[in-house]
Amino acid sequence: MSEVYKALADPTRRRILELLREREMSAGEIADNFQLAKPTLSGHFAVLREAGLVSPEKTGTTIIYRLNVSVLEEALMALMGAFKFLDKPRTAAIPKPRKGES
């Protein structure tokens, strides 16, 4: 799970995941959205692959990336559980009026 959180910690990688949420894309299409060197983007793709957040498929010389939603959901659920967001809903406490107030 730590690989997933490491991958999500970087804003460039989060932006890549946002793009892939819309549709699968080739590495070149993703690169068109950034002003980064290709080796730098390749490093980001590697981190996302190692974390299981994206699934690459090579077709000829093109690599198509897809978002692996189940891994992302699992990481978010674990994080929410760690911070007790998955417990029963809490309602805001309404303060009781003081004596003489209504």
N, C-alpha and C. Protein backbone atom coordinates (compact mmCIF):
# COMPACT_ATOMS: atom_id res chain seq x y z
N MET A 1 0.82 -1.19 0.00
CA MET A 1 0.00 0.00 0.00
C MET A 1 0.87 1.26 0.00
N SER A 2 2.06 1.17 0.58
CA SER A 2 2.92 2.36 0.64
C SER A 2 3.33 2.82 -0.76
N GLU A 3 3.45 1.89 -1.72
CA GLU A 3 3.77 2.28 -3.10
C GLU A 3 2.66 3.14 -3.69
N VAL A 4 1.42 2.80 -3.34
CA VAL A 4 0.27 3.57 -3.85
C VAL A 4 0.31 4.98 -3.29
N TYR A 5 0.54 5.10 -1.97
CA TYR A 5 0.58 6.43 -1.37
C TYR A 5 1.75 7.24 -1.90
N LYS A 6 2.88 6.59 -2.12
CA LYS A 6 4.04 7.28 -2.71
C LYS A 6 3.67 7.80 -4.10
N ALA A 7 2.99 6.99 -4.88
CA ALA A 7 2.60 7.40 -6.23
C ALA A 7 1.62 8.56 -6.18
N LEU A 8 0.69 8.53 -5.24
CA LEU A 8 -0.32 9.59 -5.13
C LEU A 8 0.24 10.88 -4.55
N ALA A 9 1.41 10.82 -3.94
CA ALA A 9 1.98 12.00 -3.29
C ALA A 9 2.47 13.05 -4.30
N ASP A 10 2.71 12.64 -5.52
CA ASP A 10 3.26 13.56 -6.51
C ASP A 10 2.16 14.19 -7.37
N PRO A 11 2.16 15.52 -7.51
CA PRO A 11 1.09 16.17 -8.29
C PRO A 11 1.08 15.78 -9.77
N THR A 12 2.23 15.51 -10.34
CA THR A 12 2.27 15.09 -11.75
C THR A 12 1.58 13.75 -11.91
N ARG A 13 1.87 12.83 -11.01
CA ARG A 13 1.24 11.50 -11.09
C ARG A 13 -0.26 11.59 -10.83
N ARG A 14 -0.67 12.45 -9.91
CA ARG A 14 -2.12 12.63 -9.69
C ARG A 14 -2.79 13.18 -10.94
N ARG A 15 -2.12 14.10 -11.64
CA ARG A 15 -2.68 14.65 -12.88
C ARG A 15 -2.78 13.57 -13.95
N ILE A 16 -1.79 12.69 -14.04
CA ILE A 16 -1.86 11.58 -15.00
C ILE A 16 -3.07 10.71 -14.70
N LEU A 17 -3.31 10.43 -13.42
CA LEU A 17 -4.47 9.62 -13.04
C LEU A 17 -5.77 10.32 -13.38
N GLU A 18 -5.81 11.64 -13.20
CA GLU A 18 -7.01 12.40 -13.57
C GLU A 18 -7.28 12.28 -15.07
N LEU A 19 -6.23 12.38 -15.87
CA LEU A 19 -6.39 12.24 -17.32
C LEU A 19 -6.92 10.85 -17.68
N LEU A 20 -6.37 9.84 -17.02
CA LEU A 20 -6.78 8.46 -17.32
C LEU A 20 -8.17 8.14 -16.78
N ARG A 21 -8.64 8.94 -15.85
CA ARG A 21 -10.01 8.74 -15.36
C ARG A 21 -11.01 9.01 -16.47
N GLU A 22 -10.66 9.94 -17.36
CA GLU A 22 -11.54 10.29 -18.48
C GLU A 22 -11.56 9.21 -19.55
N ARG A 23 -10.37 8.69 -19.88
CA ARG A 23 -10.26 7.65 -20.92
C ARG A 23 -8.86 7.08 -20.92
N GLU A 24 -8.70 5.92 -21.53
CA GLU A 24 -7.35 5.37 -21.70
C GLU A 24 -6.60 6.25 -22.69
N MET A 25 -5.29 6.35 -22.50
CA MET A 25 -4.49 7.22 -23.35
C MET A 25 -3.14 6.60 -23.62
N SER A 26 -2.56 6.99 -24.75
CA SER A 26 -1.20 6.55 -25.05
C SER A 26 -0.23 7.40 -24.24
N ALA A 27 0.98 6.91 -24.10
CA ALA A 27 2.00 7.67 -23.38
C ALA A 27 2.22 9.03 -24.04
N GLY A 28 2.18 9.07 -25.36
CA GLY A 28 2.35 10.32 -26.09
C GLY A 28 1.22 11.31 -25.82
N GLU A 29 0.00 10.81 -25.77
CA GLU A 29 -1.14 11.69 -25.47
C GLU A 29 -1.03 12.27 -24.07
N ILE A 30 -0.59 11.45 -23.14
CA ILE A 30 -0.41 11.94 -21.77
C ILE A 30 0.71 12.98 -21.76
N ALA A 31 1.80 12.70 -22.45
CA ALA A 31 2.94 13.60 -22.49
C ALA A 31 2.56 14.97 -23.05
N ASP A 32 1.61 15.01 -23.96
CA ASP A 32 1.17 16.28 -24.55
C ASP A 32 0.58 17.23 -23.51
N ASN A 33 0.21 16.71 -22.36
CA ASN A 33 -0.39 17.53 -21.30
C ASN A 33 0.65 18.09 -20.32
N PHE A 34 1.91 17.80 -20.55
CA PHE A 34 2.97 18.20 -19.63
C PHE A 34 4.13 18.83 -20.39
N GLN A 35 4.86 19.67 -19.70
CA GLN A 35 6.09 20.23 -20.26
C GLN A 35 7.27 19.60 -19.53
N LEU A 36 7.33 18.29 -19.60
CA LEU A 36 8.39 17.53 -18.95
C LEU A 36 9.12 16.69 -19.99
N ALA A 37 10.38 16.39 -19.71
CA ALA A 37 11.15 15.53 -20.59
C ALA A 37 10.57 14.12 -20.57
N LYS A 38 10.68 13.42 -21.69
CA LYS A 38 10.13 12.06 -21.77
C LYS A 38 10.71 11.12 -20.72
N PRO A 39 12.02 11.20 -20.43
CA PRO A 39 12.54 10.32 -19.36
C PRO A 39 11.91 10.61 -18.00
N THR A 40 11.59 11.88 -17.74
CA THR A 40 10.94 12.24 -16.47
C THR A 40 9.55 11.62 -16.41
N LEU A 41 8.81 11.73 -17.51
CA LEU A 41 7.47 11.12 -17.55
C LEU A 41 7.55 9.61 -17.46
N SER A 42 8.54 9.02 -18.09
CA SER A 42 8.72 7.56 -18.01
C SER A 42 8.91 7.13 -16.57
N GLY A 43 9.63 7.94 -15.80
CA GLY A 43 9.81 7.64 -14.38
C GLY A 43 8.49 7.69 -13.63
N HIS A 44 7.65 8.66 -13.96
CA HIS A 44 6.33 8.75 -13.33
C HIS A 44 5.47 7.54 -13.71
N PHE A 45 5.52 7.16 -14.98
CA PHE A 45 4.76 5.97 -15.42
C PHE A 45 5.23 4.73 -14.67
N ALA A 46 6.54 4.61 -14.45
CA ALA A 46 7.08 3.45 -13.75
C ALA A 46 6.56 3.38 -12.32
N VAL A 47 6.53 4.52 -11.64
CA VAL A 47 6.02 4.54 -10.26
C VAL A 47 4.54 4.15 -10.23
N LEU A 48 3.77 4.66 -11.18
CA LEU A 48 2.34 4.33 -11.25
C LEU A 48 2.13 2.85 -11.56
N ARG A 49 2.95 2.29 -12.45
CA ARG A 49 2.86 0.86 -12.77
C ARG A 49 3.21 0.01 -11.55
N GLU A 50 4.31 0.36 -10.87
CA GLU A 50 4.75 -0.42 -9.70
C GLU A 50 3.70 -0.40 -8.60
N ALA A 51 2.98 0.70 -8.49
CA ALA A 51 1.92 0.80 -7.49
C ALA A 51 0.65 0.09 -7.93
N GLY A 52 0.59 -0.32 -9.19
CA GLY A 52 -0.60 -1.00 -9.70
C GLY A 52 -1.73 -0.05 -10.05
N LEU A 53 -1.45 1.26 -10.09
CA LEU A 53 -2.49 2.25 -10.37
C LEU A 53 -2.83 2.36 -11.85
N VAL A 54 -1.90 1.96 -12.71
CA VAL A 54 -2.16 1.97 -14.15
C VAL A 54 -1.78 0.62 -14.73
N SER A 55 -2.47 0.29 -15.81
CA SER A 55 -2.17 -0.94 -16.54
C SER A 55 -1.74 -0.56 -17.95
N PRO A 56 -0.49 -0.84 -18.30
CA PRO A 56 -0.03 -0.53 -19.65
C PRO A 56 -0.29 -1.70 -20.60
N GLU A 57 -0.56 -1.36 -21.85
CA GLU A 57 -0.72 -2.38 -22.89
C GLU A 57 0.06 -1.90 -24.11
N LYS A 58 1.04 -2.68 -24.51
CA LYS A 58 1.87 -2.29 -25.64
C LYS A 58 1.26 -2.82 -26.93
N THR A 59 1.07 -1.91 -27.88
CA THR A 59 0.57 -2.26 -29.20
C THR A 59 1.57 -1.70 -30.21
N GLY A 60 2.39 -2.57 -30.76
CA GLY A 60 3.45 -2.09 -31.65
C GLY A 60 4.43 -1.26 -30.85
N THR A 61 4.61 0.00 -31.25
CA THR A 61 5.52 0.89 -30.53
C THR A 61 4.78 1.81 -29.58
N THR A 62 3.46 1.66 -29.47
CA THR A 62 2.64 2.52 -28.63
C THR A 62 2.27 1.81 -27.34
N ILE A 63 2.34 2.55 -26.24
CA ILE A 63 1.90 2.02 -24.95
C ILE A 63 0.63 2.77 -24.56
N ILE A 64 -0.43 2.02 -24.34
CA ILE A 64 -1.71 2.58 -23.91
C ILE A 64 -1.85 2.33 -22.42
N TYR A 65 -2.18 3.38 -21.68
CA TYR A 65 -2.35 3.28 -20.23
C TYR A 65 -3.82 3.36 -19.86
N ARG A 66 -4.19 2.53 -18.89
CA ARG A 66 -5.55 2.52 -18.33
C ARG A 66 -5.45 2.68 -16.82
N LEU A 67 -6.40 3.39 -16.25
CA LEU A 67 -6.46 3.55 -14.80
C LEU A 67 -6.97 2.26 -14.18
N ASN A 68 -6.31 1.80 -13.14
CA ASN A 68 -6.74 0.62 -12.40
C ASN A 68 -7.53 1.12 -11.19
N VAL A 69 -8.81 1.31 -11.38
CA VAL A 69 -9.67 1.93 -10.38
C VAL A 69 -9.71 1.12 -9.08
N SER A 70 -9.67 -0.20 -9.16
CA SER A 70 -9.80 -1.01 -7.95
C SER A 70 -8.66 -0.76 -6.98
N VAL A 71 -7.44 -0.58 -7.48
CA VAL A 71 -6.30 -0.30 -6.59
C VAL A 71 -6.47 1.06 -5.95
N LEU A 72 -6.91 2.04 -6.73
CA LEU A 72 -7.13 3.38 -6.20
C LEU A 72 -8.22 3.37 -5.13
N GLU A 73 -9.31 2.67 -5.40
CA GLU A 73 -10.40 2.57 -4.42
C GLU A 73 -9.94 1.90 -3.14
N GLU A 74 -9.16 0.83 -3.27
CA GLU A 74 -8.66 0.11 -2.10
C GLU A 74 -7.79 1.02 -1.24
N ALA A 75 -6.92 1.81 -1.88
CA ALA A 75 -6.05 2.72 -1.14
C ALA A 75 -6.86 3.80 -0.43
N LEU A 76 -7.85 4.34 -1.11
CA LEU A 76 -8.68 5.38 -0.51
C LEU A 76 -9.49 4.83 0.66
N MET A 77 -10.02 3.62 0.51
CA MET A 77 -10.79 3.01 1.59
C MET A 77 -9.89 2.74 2.80
N ALA A 78 -8.68 2.28 2.56
CA ALA A 78 -7.75 2.02 3.66
C ALA A 78 -7.40 3.32 4.38
N LEU A 79 -7.18 4.38 3.63
CA LEU A 79 -6.87 5.67 4.22
C LEU A 79 -8.05 6.20 5.03
N MET A 80 -9.24 6.09 4.46
CA MET A 80 -10.43 6.54 5.17
C MET A 80 -10.65 5.72 6.44
N GLY A 81 -10.41 4.44 6.36
CA GLY A 81 -10.55 3.58 7.54
C GLY A 81 -9.54 3.93 8.62
N ALA A 82 -8.32 4.25 8.21
CA ALA A 82 -7.28 4.61 9.18
C ALA A 82 -7.64 5.87 9.95
N PHE A 83 -8.34 6.76 9.30
CA PHE A 83 -8.74 8.01 9.96
C PHE A 83 -10.19 7.96 10.47
N LYS A 84 -10.75 6.76 10.52
CA LYS A 84 -12.07 6.53 11.08
C LYS A 84 -13.19 7.23 10.32
N PHE A 85 -12.99 7.49 9.03
CA PHE A 85 -14.05 8.09 8.23
C PHE A 85 -15.12 7.07 7.86
N LEU A 86 -14.82 5.80 8.05
CA LEU A 86 -15.77 4.76 7.69
C LEU A 86 -16.65 4.35 8.86
N ASP A 87 -16.42 4.94 10.05
CA ASP A 87 -17.28 4.67 11.19
C ASP A 87 -18.66 5.25 10.93
N LYS A 88 -19.58 4.98 11.83
CA LYS A 88 -20.92 5.52 11.67
C LYS A 88 -20.84 7.05 11.55
N PRO A 89 -21.72 7.63 10.77
CA PRO A 89 -21.67 9.08 10.57
C PRO A 89 -21.82 9.84 11.87
N ARG A 90 -21.05 10.88 11.97
CA ARG A 90 -21.12 11.73 13.15
C ARG A 90 -21.94 12.96 12.82
N THR A 91 -22.77 13.35 13.75
CA THR A 91 -23.54 14.58 13.55
C THR A 91 -22.90 15.67 14.39
N ALA A 92 -23.01 16.88 13.93
CA ALA A 92 -22.45 18.00 14.67
C ALA A 92 -23.20 18.15 15.97
N ALA A 93 -22.47 18.33 17.04
CA ALA A 93 -23.10 18.50 18.34
C ALA A 93 -23.75 19.87 18.41
N ILE A 94 -24.97 19.88 18.84
CA ILE A 94 -25.70 21.13 19.00
C ILE A 94 -25.58 21.53 20.47
N PRO A 95 -24.96 22.68 20.73
CA PRO A 95 -24.78 23.06 22.14
C PRO A 95 -26.13 23.31 22.83
N LYS A 96 -26.19 22.90 24.09
CA LYS A 96 -27.41 23.11 24.86
C LYS A 96 -27.44 24.57 25.30
N PRO A 97 -28.62 25.17 25.33
CA PRO A 97 -28.70 26.57 25.78
C PRO A 97 -28.31 26.68 27.25
N ARG A 98 -27.69 27.79 27.60
CA ARG A 98 -27.34 28.03 28.99
C ARG A 98 -28.58 28.49 29.74
N LYS A 99 -28.49 28.45 31.04
CA LYS A 99 -29.61 28.90 31.86
C LYS A 99 -29.98 30.32 31.49
N GLY A 100 -31.22 30.58 31.34
CA GLY A 100 -31.70 31.91 31.01
C GLY A 100 -31.75 32.17 29.51
N GLU A 101 -31.15 31.26 28.68
CA GLU A 101 -31.21 31.42 27.21
C GLU A 101 -32.28 30.50 26.69
N SER A 102 -32.87 30.84 25.58
CA SER A 102 -33.84 29.94 24.99
C SER A 102 -33.53 29.69 23.55
